Amino acid sequence: MQERRGYDRLRVDGDIRIISQNGSPVAFKASLDNISFVGFGMFAAEKIEPETIVEFELTAPILERPLQGTGRIKYVNAPQSQRSTFYTVGVEFVDTNKDIVTHVIKRLQAKMAEAMQSRNSARPLDFMPF
């Protein structure tokens, strides 16, 4: 299967509240898994049909305030095992403040680089050169 992603997805924990589906009000919660410049991935207890337009509110510790917008459900994968009850859902941004998305992605990348740098600088010397 060929990879269709145009942008890297960055792991981020957070919560999502789906406010409406195709204009009809709903009360639906999900967990944020990842984000990219064009959308986000989430785990949902309820199935949402692909191509459904949803209004969402995304909250995460890395955000100063919730990210709100409109998205299109691009894919829905059934739970991976009998022990899991969560659907894996991909949402494409339709109407979202791209400046906020860019800011979040830059903060996540900086956080990852900082963690990698501290991990590399704290490595013990495992051999002694002559």
C-alpha atoms as a PDB file:
ATOM      1  CA  MET A   1       0.000   0.000   0.000  1.00  0.00           C
ATOM      2  CA  GLN A   2       1.441   3.334  -1.043  1.00  0.00           C
ATOM      3  CA  GLU A   3       1.792   6.061   1.581  1.00  0.00           C
ATOM      4  CA  ARG A   4      -0.533   8.989   0.796  1.00  0.00           C
ATOM      5  CA  ARG A   5       0.543  11.370   3.533  1.00  0.00           C
ATOM      6  CA  GLY A   6       2.002  14.639   2.345  1.00  0.00           C
ATOM      7  CA  TYR A   7       2.942  15.883   5.811  1.00  0.00           C
ATOM      8  CA  ASP A   8       4.472  14.200   8.850  1.00  0.00           C
ATOM      9  CA  ARG A   9       2.124  13.439  11.692  1.00  0.00           C
ATOM     10  CA  LEU A  10       3.315  14.469  15.116  1.00  0.00           C
ATOM     11  CA  ARG A  11       2.243  12.598  18.210  1.00  0.00           C
ATOM     12  CA  VAL A  12       0.249  14.742  20.639  1.00  0.00           C
ATOM     13  CA  ASP A  13      -2.120  13.910  23.465  1.00  0.00           C
ATOM     14  CA  GLY A  14      -5.350  15.811  23.816  1.00  0.00           C
ATOM     15  CA  ASP A  15      -9.114  15.679  23.695  1.00  0.00           C
ATOM     16  CA  ILE A  16     -11.562  16.401  20.919  1.00  0.00           C
ATOM     17  CA  ARG A  17     -15.159  17.396  21.179  1.00  0.00           C
ATOM     18  CA  ILE A  18     -17.268  16.932  18.053  1.00  0.00           C
ATOM     19  CA  ILE A  19     -19.924  19.628  18.123  1.00  0.00           C
ATOM     20  CA  SER A  20     -21.864  18.840  14.960  1.00  0.00           C
ATOM     21  CA  GLN A  21     -21.988  16.366  12.102  1.00  0.00           C
ATOM     22  CA  ASN A  22     -23.154  17.679   8.736  1.00  0.00           C
ATOM     23  CA  GLY A  23     -24.755  20.620  10.586  1.00  0.00           C
ATOM     24  CA  SER A  24     -26.662  18.512  13.145  1.00  0.00           C
ATOM     25  CA  PRO A  25     -25.692  19.088  16.792  1.00  0.00           C
ATOM     26  CA  VAL A  26     -24.050  16.155  18.589  1.00  0.00           C
ATOM     27  CA  ALA A  27     -22.172  15.569  21.826  1.00  0.00           C
ATOM     28  CA  PHE A  28     -19.252  13.343  20.939  1.00  0.00           C
ATOM     29  CA  LYS A  29     -15.851  13.037  22.609  1.00  0.00           C
ATOM     30  CA  ALA A  30     -12.653  11.494  21.290  1.00  0.00           C
ATOM     31  CA  SER A  31      -8.933  11.388  22.092  1.00  0.00           C
ATOM     32  CA  LEU A  32      -6.368  13.145  19.953  1.00  0.00           C
ATOM     33  CA  ASP A  33      -3.550  10.919  18.682  1.00  0.00           C
ATOM     34  CA  ASN A  34      -1.602  13.008  16.168  1.00  0.00           C
ATOM     35  CA  ILE A  35      -1.669  16.216  14.174  1.00  0.00           C
ATOM     36  CA  SER A  36      -0.247  17.436  10.877  1.00  0.00           C
ATOM     37  CA  PHE A  37      -0.598  20.595   8.838  1.00  0.00           C
ATOM     38  CA  VAL A  38      -3.594  19.127   6.963  1.00  0.00           C
ATOM     39  CA  GLY A  39      -5.478  17.285   9.716  1.00  0.00           C
ATOM     40  CA  PHE A  40      -5.404  15.091  12.794  1.00  0.00           C
ATOM     41  CA  GLY A  41      -5.911  11.523  13.909  1.00  0.00           C
ATOM     42  CA  MET A  42      -8.121  10.526  16.793  1.00  0.00           C
ATOM     43  CA  PHE A  43      -9.501   7.543  18.661  1.00  0.00           C
ATOM     44  CA  ALA A  44     -13.294   7.523  18.866  1.00  0.00           C
ATOM     45  CA  ALA A  45     -15.690   5.242  20.736  1.00  0.00           C
ATOM     46  CA  GLU A  46     -18.361   5.833  18.098  1.00  0.00           C
ATOM     47  CA  LYS A  47     -18.144   5.243  14.361  1.00  0.00           C
ATOM     48  CA  ILE A  48     -18.370   8.257  12.089  1.00  0.00           C
ATOM     49  CA  GLU A  49     -18.945   7.754   8.391  1.00  0.00           C
ATOM     50  CA  PRO A  50     -16.226   8.863   5.948  1.00  0.00           C
ATOM     51  CA  GLU A  51     -16.841  12.204   4.190  1.00  0.00           C
ATOM     52  CA  THR A  52     -18.920  13.464   7.138  1.00  0.00           C
ATOM     53  CA  ILE A  53     -18.299  17.157   7.826  1.00  0.00           C
ATOM     54  CA  VAL A  54     -17.741  17.829  11.535  1.00  0.00           C
ATOM     55  CA  GLU A  55     -17.241  20.879  13.698  1.00  0.00           C
ATOM     56  CA  PHE A  56     -14.634  20.187  16.370  1.00  0.00           C
ATOM     57  CA  GLU A  57     -12.913  21.673  19.378  1.00  0.00           C
ATOM     58  CA  LEU A  58      -9.455  20.312  20.083  1.00  0.00           C
ATOM     59  CA  THR A  59      -7.757  20.797  23.478  1.00  0.00           C
ATOM     60  CA  ALA A  60      -4.231  19.728  24.401  1.00  0.00           C
ATOM     61  CA  PRO A  61      -1.634  20.734  26.993  1.00  0.00           C
ATOM     62  CA  ILE A  62       0.515  22.229  24.210  1.00  0.00           C
ATOM     63  CA  LEU A  63      -2.309  24.622  23.220  1.00  0.00           C
ATOM     64  CA  GLU A  64      -2.905  27.867  25.088  1.00  0.00           C
ATOM     65  CA  ARG A  65      -6.561  27.739  24.031  1.00  0.00           C
ATOM     66  CA  PRO A  66      -8.770  25.252  22.185  1.00  0.00           C
ATOM     67  CA  LEU A  67      -8.391  24.879  18.418  1.00  0.00           C
ATOM     68  CA  GLN A  68     -11.784  25.022  16.751  1.00  0.00           C
ATOM     69  CA  GLY A  69     -12.702  24.370  13.186  1.00  0.00           C
ATOM     70  CA  THR A  70     -14.414  22.242  10.614  1.00  0.00           C
ATOM     71  CA  GLY A  71     -13.086  18.990   9.231  1.00  0.00           C
ATOM     72  CA  ARG A  72     -13.953  16.136   6.893  1.00  0.00           C
ATOM     73  CA  ILE A  73     -13.712  12.522   8.041  1.00  0.00           C
ATOM     74  CA  LYS A  74     -11.242  10.952   5.606  1.00  0.00           C
ATOM     75  CA  TYR A  75     -11.022   7.418   6.983  1.00  0.00           C
ATOM     76  CA  VAL A  76     -12.385   5.247   9.765  1.00  0.00           C
ATOM     77  CA  ASN A  77     -10.677   2.004  10.787  1.00  0.00           C
ATOM     78  CA  ALA A  78     -12.491  -0.553  12.922  1.00  0.00           C
ATOM     79  CA  PRO A  79     -11.060  -1.459  16.332  1.00  0.00           C
ATOM     80  CA  GLN A  80      -7.828  -3.450  15.919  1.00  0.00           C
ATOM     81  CA  SER A  81      -8.732  -6.183  18.406  1.00  0.00           C
ATOM     82  CA  GLN A  82     -11.661  -7.526  20.374  1.00  0.00           C
ATOM     83  CA  ARG A  83     -10.209  -5.876  23.494  1.00  0.00           C
ATOM     84  CA  SER A  84     -10.277  -2.429  21.876  1.00  0.00           C
ATOM     85  CA  THR A  85     -13.512  -0.531  21.375  1.00  0.00           C
ATOM     86  CA  PHE A  86     -11.986   2.515  19.664  1.00  0.00           C
ATOM     87  CA  TYR A  87     -12.131   3.432  15.997  1.00  0.00           C
ATOM     88  CA  THR A  88      -9.087   5.087  14.439  1.00  0.00           C
ATOM     89  CA  VAL A  89     -10.304   8.171  12.591  1.00  0.00           C
ATOM     90  CA  GLY A  90      -8.508  10.588  10.272  1.00  0.00           C
ATOM     91  CA  VAL A  91      -9.848  14.123   9.933  1.00  0.00           C
ATOM     92  CA  GLU A  92      -8.827  16.582   7.222  1.00  0.00           C
ATOM     93  CA  PHE A  93      -9.005  20.291   8.095  1.00  0.00           C
ATOM     94  CA  VAL A  94     -11.611  22.138   6.021  1.00  0.00           C
ATOM     95  CA  ASP A  95     -11.903  25.465   7.843  1.00  0.00           C
ATOM     96  CA  THR A  96      -9.313  25.895  10.583  1.00  0.00           C
ATOM     97  CA  ASN A  97      -6.912  28.657  11.584  1.00  0.00           C
ATOM     98  CA  LYS A  98      -3.718  27.443   9.842  1.00  0.00           C
ATOM     99  CA  ASP A  99      -1.598  29.911  11.823  1.00  0.00           C
ATOM    100  CA  ILE A 100      -2.553  28.151  15.055  1.00  0.00           C
ATOM    101  CA  VAL A 101      -1.919  24.727  13.473  1.00  0.00           C
ATOM    102  CA  THR A 102       1.515  25.892  12.281  1.00  0.00           C
ATOM    103  CA  HIS A 103       2.295  27.256  15.753  1.00  0.00           C
ATOM    104  CA  VAL A 104       1.333  23.942  17.387  1.00  0.00           C
ATOM    105  CA  ILE A 105       3.448  21.942  14.917  1.00  0.00           C
ATOM    106  CA  LYS A 106       6.469  24.189  15.470  1.00  0.00           C
ATOM    107  CA  ARG A 107       6.115  23.830  19.251  1.00  0.00           C
ATOM    108  CA  LEU A 108       5.874  20.037  18.946  1.00  0.00           C
ATOM    109  CA  GLN A 109       8.937  19.911  16.682  1.00  0.00           C
ATOM    110  CA  ALA A 110      10.922  22.112  19.085  1.00  0.00           C
ATOM    111  CA  LYS A 111       9.882  19.908  22.001  1.00  0.00           C
ATOM    112  CA  MET A 112      10.976  16.775  20.116  1.00  0.00           C
ATOM    113  CA  ALA A 113      14.332  18.338  19.174  1.00  0.00           C
ATOM    114  CA  GLU A 114      14.919  19.390  22.780  1.00  0.00           C
ATOM    115  CA  ALA A 115      14.149  15.872  24.039  1.00  0.00           C
ATOM    116  CA  MET A 116      16.461  14.333  21.444  1.00  0.00           C
ATOM    117  CA  GLN A 117      19.269  16.758  22.279  1.00  0.00           C
ATOM    118  CA  SER A 118      19.015  16.097  26.018  1.00  0.00           C
ATOM    119  CA  ARG A 119      18.939  12.346  25.377  1.00  0.00           C
ATOM    120  CA  ASN A 120      22.037  12.522  23.155  1.00  0.00           C
ATOM    121  CA  SER A 121      24.009  14.757  25.512  1.00  0.00           C
ATOM    122  CA  ALA A 122      23.285  12.499  28.498  1.00  0.00           C
ATOM    123  CA  ARG A 123      24.597   9.320  26.841  1.00  0.00           C
ATOM    124  CA  PRO A 124      27.303   7.587  28.828  1.00  0.00           C
ATOM    125  CA  LEU A 125      30.612   6.765  27.174  1.00  0.00           C
ATOM    126  CA  ASP A 126      30.411   3.044  26.452  1.00  0.00           C
ATOM    127  CA  PHE A 127      34.001   2.506  25.280  1.00  0.00           C
ATOM    128  CA  MET A 128      37.390   4.051  25.895  1.00  0.00           C
ATOM    129  CA  PRO A 129      39.353   5.074  22.785  1.00  0.00           C
ATOM    130  CA  PHE A 130      43.133   4.373  22.809  1.00  0.00           C
END
